[in-house]
Amino acid sequence: MLDEDVVRARNFYVWDDEEKGRAFFTEEIVDKVTGIYGVPPKIEYLDIVGFVDNSGT
């Protein structure tokens, strides 16, 4: 998702639990993203209130 008001891209990832999400964002991943885009990512965690699966399966 592009947030043109603050000139940034936002991505959303969904895991079965917060611990798995936190385990993904290792220092190595953060360093890699920082190297690609020139700025460190801002990582935020939130609770999903509702989830809609439109995959048709």
PDB file of N, CA and C in Angstrom:
ATOM      1  N   MET A   1       0.843  -1.158   0.000  1.00  0.00           N
ATOM      2  CA  MET A   1       0.000   0.000   0.000  1.00  0.00           C
ATOM      3  C   MET A   1       0.896   1.231   0.000  1.00  0.00           C
ATOM      4  N   LEU A   2       0.591   2.194  -0.834  1.00  0.00           N
ATOM      5  CA  LEU A   2       1.348   3.441  -0.852  1.00  0.00           C
ATOM      6  C   LEU A   2       0.616   4.494  -0.041  1.00  0.00           C
ATOM      7  N   ASP A   3       1.358   5.158   0.833  1.00  0.00           N
ATOM      8  CA  ASP A   3       0.812   6.244   1.637  1.00  0.00           C
ATOM      9  C   ASP A   3       1.444   7.530   1.113  1.00  0.00           C
ATOM     10  N   GLU A   4       0.777   8.153   0.151  1.00  0.00           N
ATOM     11  CA  GLU A   4       1.345   9.316  -0.521  1.00  0.00           C
ATOM     12  C   GLU A   4       1.455  10.534   0.387  1.00  0.00           C
ATOM     13  N   ASP A   5       0.646  10.591   1.443  1.00  0.00           N
ATOM     14  CA  ASP A   5       0.703  11.736   2.355  1.00  0.00           C
ATOM     15  C   ASP A   5       2.053  11.841   3.054  1.00  0.00           C
ATOM     16  N   VAL A   6       2.649  10.726   3.380  1.00  0.00           N
ATOM     17  CA  VAL A   6       3.946  10.736   4.061  1.00  0.00           C
ATOM     18  C   VAL A   6       5.031  10.077   3.214  1.00  0.00           C
ATOM     19  N   VAL A   7       4.745   9.830   1.949  1.00  0.00           N
ATOM     20  CA  VAL A   7       5.681   9.287   0.971  1.00  0.00           C
ATOM     21  C   VAL A   7       6.361   8.015   1.505  1.00  0.00           C
ATOM     22  N   ARG A   8       5.552   6.969   1.670  1.00  0.00           N
ATOM     23  CA  ARG A   8       6.117   5.694   2.102  1.00  0.00           C
ATOM     24  C   ARG A   8       5.234   4.551   1.614  1.00  0.00           C
ATOM     25  N   ALA A   9       5.837   3.408   1.563  1.00  0.00           N
ATOM     26  CA  ALA A   9       5.104   2.186   1.226  1.00  0.00           C
ATOM     27  C   ALA A   9       4.867   1.428   2.519  1.00  0.00           C
ATOM     28  N   ARG A  10       3.713   0.787   2.604  1.00  0.00           N
ATOM     29  CA  ARG A  10       3.388  -0.002   3.794  1.00  0.00           C
ATOM     30  C   ARG A  10       3.032  -1.407   3.342  1.00  0.00           C
ATOM     31  N   ASN A  11       3.514  -2.379   4.065  1.00  0.00           N
ATOM     32  CA  ASN A  11       3.212  -3.773   3.779  1.00  0.00           C
ATOM     33  C   ASN A  11       2.587  -4.397   5.010  1.00  0.00           C
ATOM     34  N   PHE A  12       1.714  -5.353   4.776  1.00  0.00           N
ATOM     35  CA  PHE A  12       1.064  -6.064   5.871  1.00  0.00           C
ATOM     36  C   PHE A  12       1.366  -7.544   5.736  1.00  0.00           C
ATOM     37  N   TYR A  13       1.721  -8.153   6.828  1.00  0.00           N
ATOM     38  CA  TYR A  13       1.974  -9.584   6.884  1.00  0.00           C
ATOM     39  C   TYR A  13       1.083 -10.160   7.976  1.00  0.00           C
ATOM     40  N   VAL A  14       0.585 -11.363   7.761  1.00  0.00           N
ATOM     41  CA  VAL A  14      -0.294 -11.993   8.738  1.00  0.00           C
ATOM     42  C   VAL A  14       0.312 -13.334   9.143  1.00  0.00           C
ATOM     43  N   TRP A  15       0.494 -13.513  10.435  1.00  0.00           N
ATOM     44  CA  TRP A  15       0.992 -14.760  10.998  1.00  0.00           C
ATOM     45  C   TRP A  15      -0.048 -15.348  11.936  1.00  0.00           C
ATOM     46  N   ASP A  16       0.118 -16.623  12.249  1.00  0.00           N
ATOM     47  CA  ASP A  16      -0.791 -17.288  13.184  1.00  0.00           C
ATOM     48  C   ASP A  16      -0.707 -16.693  14.584  1.00  0.00           C
ATOM     49  N   ASP A  17       0.471 -16.199  14.938  1.00  0.00           N
ATOM     50  CA  ASP A  17       0.623 -15.547  16.241  1.00  0.00           C
ATOM     51  C   ASP A  17       1.750 -14.517  16.179  1.00  0.00           C
ATOM     52  N   GLU A  18       1.752 -13.619  17.131  1.00  0.00           N
ATOM     53  CA  GLU A  18       2.709 -12.513  17.142  1.00  0.00           C
ATOM     54  C   GLU A  18       4.149 -13.005  17.250  1.00  0.00           C
ATOM     55  N   GLU A  19       4.367 -14.069  17.985  1.00  0.00           N
ATOM     56  CA  GLU A  19       5.724 -14.599  18.163  1.00  0.00           C
ATOM     57  C   GLU A  19       6.350 -14.982  16.815  1.00  0.00           C
ATOM     58  N   LYS A  20       5.564 -15.585  15.932  1.00  0.00           N
ATOM     59  CA  LYS A  20       6.070 -15.950  14.605  1.00  0.00           C
ATOM     60  C   LYS A  20       6.409 -14.705  13.788  1.00  0.00           C
ATOM     61  N   GLY A  21       5.594 -13.680  13.903  1.00  0.00           N
ATOM     62  CA  GLY A  21       5.874 -12.432  13.208  1.00  0.00           C
ATOM     63  C   GLY A  21       7.152 -11.784  13.701  1.00  0.00           C
ATOM     64  N   ARG A  22       7.303 -11.750  15.002  1.00  0.00           N
ATOM     65  CA  ARG A  22       8.518 -11.161  15.585  1.00  0.00           C
ATOM     66  C   ARG A  22       9.765 -11.965  15.215  1.00  0.00           C
ATOM     67  N   ALA A  23       9.626 -13.276  15.105  1.00  0.00           N
ATOM     68  CA  ALA A  23      10.763 -14.133  14.744  1.00  0.00           C
ATOM     69  C   ALA A  23      11.214 -13.881  13.303  1.00  0.00           C
ATOM     70  N   PHE A  24      10.284 -13.473  12.444  1.00  0.00           N
ATOM     71  CA  PHE A  24      10.617 -13.209  11.042  1.00  0.00           C
ATOM     72  C   PHE A  24      11.534 -12.002  10.896  1.00  0.00           C
ATOM     73  N   PHE A  25      11.261 -10.955  11.645  1.00  0.00           N
ATOM     74  CA  PHE A  25      11.996  -9.700  11.491  1.00  0.00           C
ATOM     75  C   PHE A  25      13.298  -9.729  12.289  1.00  0.00           C
ATOM     76  N   THR A  26      14.206 -10.556  11.821  1.00  0.00           N
ATOM     77  CA  THR A  26      15.517 -10.673  12.445  1.00  0.00           C
ATOM     78  C   THR A  26      16.350  -9.434  12.132  1.00  0.00           C
ATOM     79  N   GLU A  27      17.442  -9.284  12.823  1.00  0.00           N
ATOM     80  CA  GLU A  27      18.356  -8.174  12.554  1.00  0.00           C
ATOM     81  C   GLU A  27      18.861  -8.249  11.113  1.00  0.00           C
ATOM     82  N   GLU A  28      19.063  -9.465  10.613  1.00  0.00           N
ATOM     83  CA  GLU A  28      19.525  -9.657   9.237  1.00  0.00           C
ATOM     84  C   GLU A  28      18.502  -9.132   8.227  1.00  0.00           C
ATOM     85  N   ILE A  29      17.235  -9.415   8.449  1.00  0.00           N
ATOM     86  CA  ILE A  29      16.182  -8.935   7.545  1.00  0.00           C
ATOM     87  C   ILE A  29      16.097  -7.412   7.591  1.00  0.00           C
ATOM     88  N   VAL A  30      16.122  -6.858   8.789  1.00  0.00           N
ATOM     89  CA  VAL A  30      16.056  -5.401   8.942  1.00  0.00           C
ATOM     90  C   VAL A  30      17.247  -4.749   8.240  1.00  0.00           C
ATOM     91  N   ASP A  31      18.441  -5.308   8.404  1.00  0.00           N
ATOM     92  CA  ASP A  31      19.630  -4.761   7.741  1.00  0.00           C
ATOM     93  C   ASP A  31      19.500  -4.853   6.211  1.00  0.00           C
ATOM     94  N   LYS A  32      18.947  -5.959   5.723  1.00  0.00           N
ATOM     95  CA  LYS A  32      18.784  -6.134   4.276  1.00  0.00           C
ATOM     96  C   LYS A  32      17.819  -5.089   3.719  1.00  0.00           C
ATOM     97  N   VAL A  33      16.690  -4.896   4.386  1.00  0.00           N
ATOM     98  CA  VAL A  33      15.715  -3.900   3.938  1.00  0.00           C
ATOM     99  C   VAL A  33      16.319  -2.497   3.987  1.00  0.00           C
ATOM    100  N   THR A  34      17.066  -2.220   5.048  1.00  0.00           N
ATOM    101  CA  THR A  34      17.727  -0.919   5.176  1.00  0.00           C
ATOM    102  C   THR A  34      18.711  -0.707   4.027  1.00  0.00           C
ATOM    103  N   GLY A  35      19.439  -1.750   3.659  1.00  0.00           N
ATOM    104  CA  GLY A  35      20.390  -1.651   2.551  1.00  0.00           C
ATOM    105  C   GLY A  35      19.704  -1.404   1.218  1.00  0.00           C
ATOM    106  N   ILE A  36      18.552  -2.005   1.021  1.00  0.00           N
ATOM    107  CA  ILE A  36      17.820  -1.846  -0.240  1.00  0.00           C
ATOM    108  C   ILE A  36      17.211  -0.456  -0.365  1.00  0.00           C
ATOM    109  N   TYR A  37      16.567   0.014   0.698  1.00  0.00           N
ATOM    110  CA  TYR A  37      15.805   1.265   0.614  1.00  0.00           C
ATOM    111  C   TYR A  37      16.510   2.476   1.223  1.00  0.00           C
ATOM    112  N   GLY A  38      17.602   2.243   1.926  1.00  0.00           N
ATOM    113  CA  GLY A  38      18.369   3.359   2.480  1.00  0.00           C
ATOM    114  C   GLY A  38      17.864   3.885   3.810  1.00  0.00           C
ATOM    115  N   VAL A  39      16.786   3.314   4.300  1.00  0.00           N
ATOM    116  CA  VAL A  39      16.243   3.693   5.609  1.00  0.00           C
ATOM    117  C   VAL A  39      15.773   2.424   6.318  1.00  0.00           C
ATOM    118  N   PRO A  40      15.877   2.380   7.630  1.00  0.00           N
ATOM    119  CA  PRO A  40      15.402   1.188   8.334  1.00  0.00           C
ATOM    120  C   PRO A  40      13.877   1.121   8.321  1.00  0.00           C
ATOM    121  N   PRO A  41      13.331  -0.090   8.274  1.00  0.00           N
ATOM    122  CA  PRO A  41      11.875  -0.214   8.299  1.00  0.00           C
ATOM    123  C   PRO A  41      11.326   0.111   9.676  1.00  0.00           C
ATOM    124  N   LYS A  42      10.121   0.629   9.699  1.00  0.00           N
ATOM    125  CA  LYS A  42       9.409   0.830  10.956  1.00  0.00           C
ATOM    126  C   LYS A  42       8.471  -0.368  11.098  1.00  0.00           C
ATOM    127  N   ILE A  43       8.708  -1.181  12.089  1.00  0.00           N
ATOM    128  CA  ILE A  43       7.933  -2.408  12.271  1.00  0.00           C
ATOM    129  C   ILE A  43       6.926  -2.198  13.385  1.00  0.00           C
ATOM    130  N   GLU A  44       5.665  -2.404  13.042  1.00  0.00           N
ATOM    131  CA  GLU A  44       4.577  -2.253  14.007  1.00  0.00           C
ATOM    132  C   GLU A  44       3.785  -3.557  14.056  1.00  0.00           C
ATOM    133  N   TYR A  45       3.251  -3.868  15.207  1.00  0.00           N
ATOM    134  CA  TYR A  45       2.430  -5.061  15.385  1.00  0.00           C
ATOM    135  C   TYR A  45       1.037  -4.626  15.800  1.00  0.00           C
ATOM    136  N   LEU A  46       0.033  -5.319  15.272  1.00  0.00           N
ATOM    137  CA  LEU A  46      -1.341  -4.986  15.625  1.00  0.00           C
ATOM    138  C   LEU A  46      -2.183  -6.247  15.645  1.00  0.00           C
ATOM    139  N   ASP A  47      -3.326  -6.146  16.272  1.00  0.00           N
ATOM    140  CA  ASP A  47      -4.285  -7.236  16.296  1.00  0.00           C
ATOM    141  C   ASP A  47      -5.278  -7.059  15.168  1.00  0.00           C
ATOM    142  N   ILE A  48      -5.584  -8.133  14.482  1.00  0.00           N
ATOM    143  CA  ILE A  48      -6.572  -8.092  13.411  1.00  0.00           C
ATOM    144  C   ILE A  48      -7.954  -8.303  14.018  1.00  0.00           C
ATOM    145  N   VAL A  49      -8.864  -7.389  13.739  1.00  0.00           N
ATOM    146  CA  VAL A  49     -10.220  -7.491  14.258  1.00  0.00           C
ATOM    147  C   VAL A  49     -11.034  -8.478  13.435  1.00  0.00           C
ATOM    148  N   GLY A  50     -10.829  -8.472  12.125  1.00  0.00           N
ATOM    149  CA  GLY A  50     -11.549  -9.397  11.248  1.00  0.00           C
ATOM    150  C   GLY A  50     -10.703  -9.718  10.047  1.00  0.00           C
ATOM    151  N   PHE A  51     -10.873 -10.910   9.521  1.00  0.00           N
ATOM    152  CA  PHE A  51     -10.081 -11.356   8.374  1.00  0.00           C
ATOM    153  C   PHE A  51     -11.026 -11.957   7.342  1.00  0.00           C
ATOM    154  N   VAL A  52     -10.971 -11.487   6.099  1.00  0.00           N
ATOM    155  CA  VAL A  52     -11.811 -11.996   5.028  1.00  0.00           C
ATOM    156  C   VAL A  52     -10.936 -12.728   4.026  1.00  0.00           C
ATOM    157  N   ASP A  53     -11.230 -13.998   3.788  1.00  0.00           N
ATOM    158  CA  ASP A  53     -10.481 -14.794   2.818  1.00  0.00           C
ATOM    159  C   ASP A  53     -11.266 -14.800   1.516  1.00  0.00           C
ATOM    160  N   ASN A  54     -10.757 -14.091   0.519  1.00  0.00           N
ATOM    161  CA  ASN A  54     -11.414 -14.005  -0.784  1.00  0.00           C
ATOM    162  C   ASN A  54     -10.814 -14.960  -1.803  1.00  0.00           C
ATOM    163  N   SER A  55     -10.073 -15.954  -1.342  1.00  0.00           N
ATOM    164  CA  SER A  55      -9.386 -16.856  -2.265  1.00  0.00           C
ATOM    165  C   SER A  55     -10.347 -17.813  -2.979  1.00  0.00           C
ATOM    166  N   GLY A  56     -11.552 -17.992  -2.440  1.00  0.00           N
ATOM    167  CA  GLY A  56     -12.505 -18.874  -3.063  1.00  0.00           C
ATOM    168  C   GLY A  56     -12.312 -20.337  -2.732  1.00  0.00           C
ATOM    169  N   THR A  57     -11.404 -20.621  -1.814  1.00  0.00           N
ATOM    170  CA  THR A  57     -11.176 -22.027  -1.421  1.00  0.00           C
ATOM    171  C   THR A  57     -11.761 -22.332  -0.076  1.00  0.00           C
TER     172      THR A  57
END
